[in-house]
């Protein structure tokens, strides 16, 4: 037998409302679309296995975000395949996108920012990525990382300071 009807409804609502969030978190950790999609499936399979627990969760968004973060980090540490990046690049080259120059400039800017963020210490990087890029509240980020809200705010602030200093130095502003 399957889940009781109310538990199925809860899971269906959770999938509908939070799939994009779970995907964005997984992608921010893995940087691979296929692996992020697999992670989304894993997260909701875990939620399905714990159907009764889902009914008692006060903040489903934070609960699912925490699961997504853990599953994605585990995938990353187990050695995620990176072959699909070439396939994604080929698909982008073959797809008819208007205005190649603006798209290329945006891509370069995004890649530059991604490299700058990836150069931060992990505790600062994770707090910044989850709070600023994934738009999670400090409470949600704190719950995911096992730290206080104040620590999340402090780490994100310090990460922004470091990024600002590095970008200023690269651009030679103030010399």
C-alpha atoms as a PDB file:
ATOM      1  CA  UNK A   1       0.000   0.000   0.000  1.00  0.00           C
ATOM      2  CA  UNK A   2       1.047   3.594  -0.498  1.00  0.00           C
ATOM      3  CA  UNK A   3       0.889   6.618   1.696  1.00  0.00           C
ATOM      4  CA  UNK A   4      -2.373   7.795   3.128  1.00  0.00           C
ATOM      5  CA  UNK A   5      -4.103  10.421   0.972  1.00  0.00           C
ATOM      6  CA  UNK A   6      -3.264  13.444   3.196  1.00  0.00           C
ATOM      7  CA  UNK A   7       0.442  12.493   3.194  1.00  0.00           C
ATOM      8  CA  UNK A   8       0.397  12.165  -0.612  1.00  0.00           C
ATOM      9  CA  UNK A   9      -1.209  15.602  -0.849  1.00  0.00           C
ATOM     10  CA  UNK A  10       1.438  17.095   1.454  1.00  0.00           C
ATOM     11  CA  UNK A  11       4.244  15.643  -0.633  1.00  0.00           C
ATOM     12  CA  UNK A  12       2.622  16.792  -3.875  1.00  0.00           C
ATOM     13  CA  UNK A  13       2.320  20.336  -2.519  1.00  0.00           C
ATOM     14  CA  UNK A  14       5.929  20.252  -1.271  1.00  0.00           C
ATOM     15  CA  UNK A  15       7.178  19.091  -4.678  1.00  0.00           C
ATOM     16  CA  UNK A  16       5.158  21.751  -6.492  1.00  0.00           C
ATOM     17  CA  UNK A  17       6.237  24.582  -4.180  1.00  0.00           C
ATOM     18  CA  UNK A  18       9.862  23.722  -3.486  1.00  0.00           C
ATOM     19  CA  UNK A  19      11.313  21.881  -6.493  1.00  0.00           C
ATOM     20  CA  UNK A  20      12.970  25.028  -7.865  1.00  0.00           C
ATOM     21  CA  UNK A  21      14.547  25.844  -4.500  1.00  0.00           C
ATOM     22  CA  UNK A  22      15.866  22.291  -4.101  1.00  0.00           C
ATOM     23  CA  UNK A  23      17.280  22.395  -7.645  1.00  0.00           C
ATOM     24  CA  UNK A  24      18.966  25.792  -7.108  1.00  0.00           C
ATOM     25  CA  UNK A  25      20.602  24.602  -3.892  1.00  0.00           C
ATOM     26  CA  UNK A  26      21.795  21.391  -5.519  1.00  0.00           C
ATOM     27  CA  UNK A  27      23.101  23.258  -8.554  1.00  0.00           C
ATOM     28  CA  UNK A  28      24.889  25.835  -6.393  1.00  0.00           C
ATOM     29  CA  UNK A  29      26.807  23.002  -4.730  1.00  0.00           C
ATOM     30  CA  UNK A  30      27.344  20.702  -7.715  1.00  0.00           C
ATOM     31  CA  UNK A  31      27.539  23.114 -10.690  1.00  0.00           C
ATOM     32  CA  UNK A  32      26.139  20.368 -12.888  1.00  0.00           C
ATOM     33  CA  UNK A  33      22.562  20.367 -14.187  1.00  0.00           C
ATOM     34  CA  UNK A  34      22.197  16.590 -14.507  1.00  0.00           C
ATOM     35  CA  UNK A  35      23.582  15.951 -11.021  1.00  0.00           C
ATOM     36  CA  UNK A  36      21.351  18.696  -9.603  1.00  0.00           C
ATOM     37  CA  UNK A  37      18.296  17.060 -11.193  1.00  0.00           C
ATOM     38  CA  UNK A  38      19.297  13.693  -9.728  1.00  0.00           C
ATOM     39  CA  UNK A  39      19.698  15.368  -6.349  1.00  0.00           C
ATOM     40  CA  UNK A  40      16.176  16.826  -6.594  1.00  0.00           C
ATOM     41  CA  UNK A  41      14.825  13.329  -7.162  1.00  0.00           C
ATOM     42  CA  UNK A  42      16.823  11.979  -4.223  1.00  0.00           C
ATOM     43  CA  UNK A  43      15.542  14.724  -1.928  1.00  0.00           C
ATOM     44  CA  UNK A  44      11.893  14.078  -2.727  1.00  0.00           C
ATOM     45  CA  UNK A  45      12.380  10.306  -2.518  1.00  0.00           C
ATOM     46  CA  UNK A  46      13.712  10.851   0.989  1.00  0.00           C
ATOM     47  CA  UNK A  47      10.699  13.029   1.771  1.00  0.00           C
ATOM     48  CA  UNK A  48       8.428  10.267   0.410  1.00  0.00           C
ATOM     49  CA  UNK A  49      10.092   7.671   2.641  1.00  0.00           C
ATOM     50  CA  UNK A  50       9.478   9.927   5.646  1.00  0.00           C
ATOM     51  CA  UNK A  51       5.915  10.829   4.691  1.00  0.00           C
ATOM     52  CA  UNK A  52       4.572  10.825   8.234  1.00  0.00           C
ATOM     53  CA  UNK A  53       7.410  13.109   9.340  1.00  0.00           C
ATOM     54  CA  UNK A  54       6.549  15.616   6.588  1.00  0.00           C
ATOM     55  CA  UNK A  55       3.181  16.261   8.205  1.00  0.00           C
ATOM     56  CA  UNK A  56       4.888  17.331  11.438  1.00  0.00           C
ATOM     57  CA  UNK A  57       7.433  19.653   9.831  1.00  0.00           C
ATOM     58  CA  UNK A  58       6.729  23.287  10.709  1.00  0.00           C
ATOM     59  CA  UNK A  59       8.873  24.813   7.949  1.00  0.00           C
ATOM     60  CA  UNK A  60       8.908  22.506   4.917  1.00  0.00           C
ATOM     61  CA  UNK A  61      11.028  24.930   2.881  1.00  0.00           C
ATOM     62  CA  UNK A  62      13.855  24.919   5.429  1.00  0.00           C
ATOM     63  CA  UNK A  63      13.536  21.170   5.998  1.00  0.00           C
ATOM     64  CA  UNK A  64      13.775  20.378   2.281  1.00  0.00           C
ATOM     65  CA  UNK A  65      16.565  22.931   1.802  1.00  0.00           C
ATOM     66  CA  UNK A  66      18.567  21.253   4.569  1.00  0.00           C
ATOM     67  CA  UNK A  67      18.070  17.832   2.958  1.00  0.00           C
ATOM     68  CA  UNK A  68      19.025  19.227  -0.470  1.00  0.00           C
ATOM     69  CA  UNK A  69      22.183  20.776   0.930  1.00  0.00           C
ATOM     70  CA  UNK A  70      23.259  17.560   2.644  1.00  0.00           C
ATOM     71  CA  UNK A  71      22.509  15.336  -0.355  1.00  0.00           C
ATOM     72  CA  UNK A  72      24.325  17.689  -2.753  1.00  0.00           C
ATOM     73  CA  UNK A  73      27.381  18.007  -0.503  1.00  0.00           C
ATOM     74  CA  UNK A  74      27.485  14.232  -0.151  1.00  0.00           C
ATOM     75  CA  UNK A  75      27.316  13.834  -3.943  1.00  0.00           C
ATOM     76  CA  UNK A  76      30.089  16.395  -4.387  1.00  0.00           C
ATOM     77  CA  UNK A  77      32.363  14.682  -1.874  1.00  0.00           C
ATOM     78  CA  UNK A  78      31.752  11.290  -3.467  1.00  0.00           C
ATOM     79  CA  UNK A  79      33.211  12.559  -6.728  1.00  0.00           C
ATOM     80  CA  UNK A  80      30.583  13.973  -9.014  1.00  0.00           C
ATOM     81  CA  UNK A  81      31.051  13.410 -12.742  1.00  0.00           C
ATOM     82  CA  UNK A  82      31.865  16.563 -14.650  1.00  0.00           C
ATOM     83  CA  UNK A  83      31.501  15.162 -18.207  1.00  0.00           C
ATOM     84  CA  UNK A  84      28.103  16.727 -18.804  1.00  0.00           C
ATOM     85  CA  UNK A  85      29.608  20.242 -18.759  1.00  0.00           C
ATOM     86  CA  UNK A  86      30.917  19.593 -22.265  1.00  0.00           C
ATOM     87  CA  UNK A  87      27.474  18.418 -23.379  1.00  0.00           C
ATOM     88  CA  UNK A  88      25.882  21.546 -21.869  1.00  0.00           C
ATOM     89  CA  UNK A  89      28.406  23.783 -23.636  1.00  0.00           C
ATOM     90  CA  UNK A  90      27.753  22.031 -26.954  1.00  0.00           C
ATOM     91  CA  UNK A  91      23.994  22.401 -26.493  1.00  0.00           C
ATOM     92  CA  UNK A  92      24.424  26.124 -25.799  1.00  0.00           C
ATOM     93  CA  UNK A  93      26.544  26.563 -28.931  1.00  0.00           C
ATOM     94  CA  UNK A  94      23.986  24.789 -31.088  1.00  0.00           C
ATOM     95  CA  UNK A  95      20.928  26.527 -29.662  1.00  0.00           C
ATOM     96  CA  UNK A  96      19.694  29.637 -31.477  1.00  0.00           C
ATOM     97  CA  UNK A  97      20.031  32.386 -28.838  1.00  0.00           C
ATOM     98  CA  UNK A  98      19.518  36.014 -29.866  1.00  0.00           C
ATOM     99  CA  UNK A  99      22.282  38.529 -29.180  1.00  0.00           C
ATOM    100  CA  UNK A 100      25.437  36.474 -28.735  1.00  0.00           C
ATOM    101  CA  UNK A 101      27.512  39.377 -27.442  1.00  0.00           C
ATOM    102  CA  UNK A 102      25.288  40.301 -24.450  1.00  0.00           C
ATOM    103  CA  UNK A 103      24.890  36.632 -23.604  1.00  0.00           C
ATOM    104  CA  UNK A 104      28.662  36.139 -23.733  1.00  0.00           C
ATOM    105  CA  UNK A 105      29.318  39.204 -21.578  1.00  0.00           C
ATOM    106  CA  UNK A 106      26.791  38.044 -18.990  1.00  0.00           C
ATOM    107  CA  UNK A 107      28.305  34.566 -19.038  1.00  0.00           C
ATOM    108  CA  UNK A 108      31.805  35.988 -18.494  1.00  0.00           C
ATOM    109  CA  UNK A 109      30.593  38.216 -15.660  1.00  0.00           C
ATOM    110  CA  UNK A 110      28.790  35.305 -14.014  1.00  0.00           C
ATOM    111  CA  UNK A 111      31.835  33.069 -14.377  1.00  0.00           C
ATOM    112  CA  UNK A 112      34.092  35.777 -12.912  1.00  0.00           C
ATOM    113  CA  UNK A 113      31.784  36.191  -9.933  1.00  0.00           C
ATOM    114  CA  UNK A 114      31.534  32.425  -9.488  1.00  0.00           C
ATOM    115  CA  UNK A 115      35.352  32.151  -9.442  1.00  0.00           C
ATOM    116  CA  UNK A 116      35.611  34.990  -6.947  1.00  0.00           C
ATOM    117  CA  UNK A 117      33.030  33.371  -4.666  1.00  0.00           C
ATOM    118  CA  UNK A 118      34.617  29.918  -5.010  1.00  0.00           C
ATOM    119  CA  UNK A 119      37.906  31.434  -3.810  1.00  0.00           C
ATOM    120  CA  UNK A 120      36.382  32.327  -0.455  1.00  0.00           C
ATOM    121  CA  UNK A 121      36.893  30.092   2.596  1.00  0.00           C
ATOM    122  CA  UNK A 122      34.131  27.452   2.638  1.00  0.00           C
ATOM    123  CA  UNK A 123      32.337  28.718   5.762  1.00  0.00           C
ATOM    124  CA  UNK A 124      32.078  32.209   4.241  1.00  0.00           C
ATOM    125  CA  UNK A 125      31.237  30.913   0.765  1.00  0.00           C
ATOM    126  CA  UNK A 126      28.421  28.656   1.983  1.00  0.00           C
ATOM    127  CA  UNK A 127      26.795  31.379   4.072  1.00  0.00           C
ATOM    128  CA  UNK A 128      26.981  33.886   1.206  1.00  0.00           C
ATOM    129  CA  UNK A 129      25.747  31.466  -1.454  1.00  0.00           C
ATOM    130  CA  UNK A 130      22.772  30.286   0.539  1.00  0.00           C
ATOM    131  CA  UNK A 131      21.710  33.687   1.858  1.00  0.00           C
ATOM    132  CA  UNK A 132      22.422  35.955  -1.112  1.00  0.00           C
ATOM    133  CA  UNK A 133      22.269  33.695  -4.143  1.00  0.00           C
ATOM    134  CA  UNK A 134      19.632  31.219  -2.989  1.00  0.00           C
ATOM    135  CA  UNK A 135      17.711  33.894  -1.042  1.00  0.00           C
ATOM    136  CA  UNK A 136      17.284  31.806   2.095  1.00  0.00           C
ATOM    137  CA  UNK A 137      16.744  33.573   5.414  1.00  0.00           C
ATOM    138  CA  UNK A 138      19.565  33.627   7.977  1.00  0.00           C
ATOM    139  CA  UNK A 139      17.440  31.329  10.140  1.00  0.00           C
ATOM    140  CA  UNK A 140      17.145  28.786   7.309  1.00  0.00           C
ATOM    141  CA  UNK A 141      20.834  29.006   6.437  1.00  0.00           C
ATOM    142  CA  UNK A 142      21.778  28.667  10.090  1.00  0.00           C
ATOM    143  CA  UNK A 143      19.625  25.560  10.418  1.00  0.00           C
ATOM    144  CA  UNK A 144      21.213  24.046   7.302  1.00  0.00           C
ATOM    145  CA  UNK A 145      24.786  24.760   8.359  1.00  0.00           C
ATOM    146  CA  UNK A 146      24.285  24.170  12.073  1.00  0.00           C
ATOM    147  CA  UNK A 147      25.242  27.717  13.109  1.00  0.00           C
ATOM    148  CA  UNK A 148      23.413  30.695  14.601  1.00  0.00           C
ATOM    149  CA  UNK A 149      21.624  33.381  12.584  1.00  0.00           C
ATOM    150  CA  UNK A 150      24.168  35.914  13.821  1.00  0.00           C
ATOM    151  CA  UNK A 151      27.011  33.735  12.541  1.00  0.00           C
ATOM    152  CA  UNK A 152      25.299  33.506   9.129  1.00  0.00           C
ATOM    153  CA  UNK A 153      24.969  37.289   8.937  1.00  0.00           C
ATOM    154  CA  UNK A 154      28.545  37.806  10.097  1.00  0.00           C
ATOM    155  CA  UNK A 155      29.976  35.298   7.625  1.00  0.00           C
ATOM    156  CA  UNK A 156      27.970  36.689   4.703  1.00  0.00           C
ATOM    157  CA  UNK A 157      29.064  40.229   5.621  1.00  0.00           C
ATOM    158  CA  UNK A 158      32.715  39.163   5.836  1.00  0.00           C
ATOM    159  CA  UNK A 159      32.431  37.322   2.504  1.00  0.00           C
ATOM    160  CA  UNK A 160      31.070  40.475   0.838  1.00  0.00           C
ATOM    161  CA  UNK A 161      33.895  42.528   2.362  1.00  0.00           C
ATOM    162  CA  UNK A 162      36.518  40.143   1.020  1.00  0.00           C
ATOM    163  CA  UNK A 163      34.903  40.115  -2.442  1.00  0.00           C
ATOM    164  CA  UNK A 164      34.734  43.920  -2.476  1.00  0.00           C
ATOM    165  CA  UNK A 165      38.414  44.178  -1.479  1.00  0.00           C
ATOM    166  CA  UNK A 166      39.515  41.654  -4.104  1.00  0.00           C
ATOM    167  CA  UNK A 167      37.480  43.279  -6.886  1.00  0.00           C
ATOM    168  CA  UNK A 168      38.743  46.726  -5.931  1.00  0.00           C
ATOM    169  CA  UNK A 169      42.324  45.441  -6.026  1.00  0.00           C
ATOM    170  CA  UNK A 170      41.764  43.784  -9.427  1.00  0.00           C
ATOM    171  CA  UNK A 171      40.302  46.935 -10.937  1.00  0.00           C
ATOM    172  CA  UNK A 172      43.013  49.134  -9.473  1.00  0.00           C
ATOM    173  CA  UNK A 173      40.468  51.516  -7.959  1.00  0.00           C
ATOM    174  CA  UNK A 174      41.909  53.969  -5.456  1.00  0.00           C
ATOM    175  CA  UNK A 175      45.481  53.952  -6.818  1.00  0.00           C
END
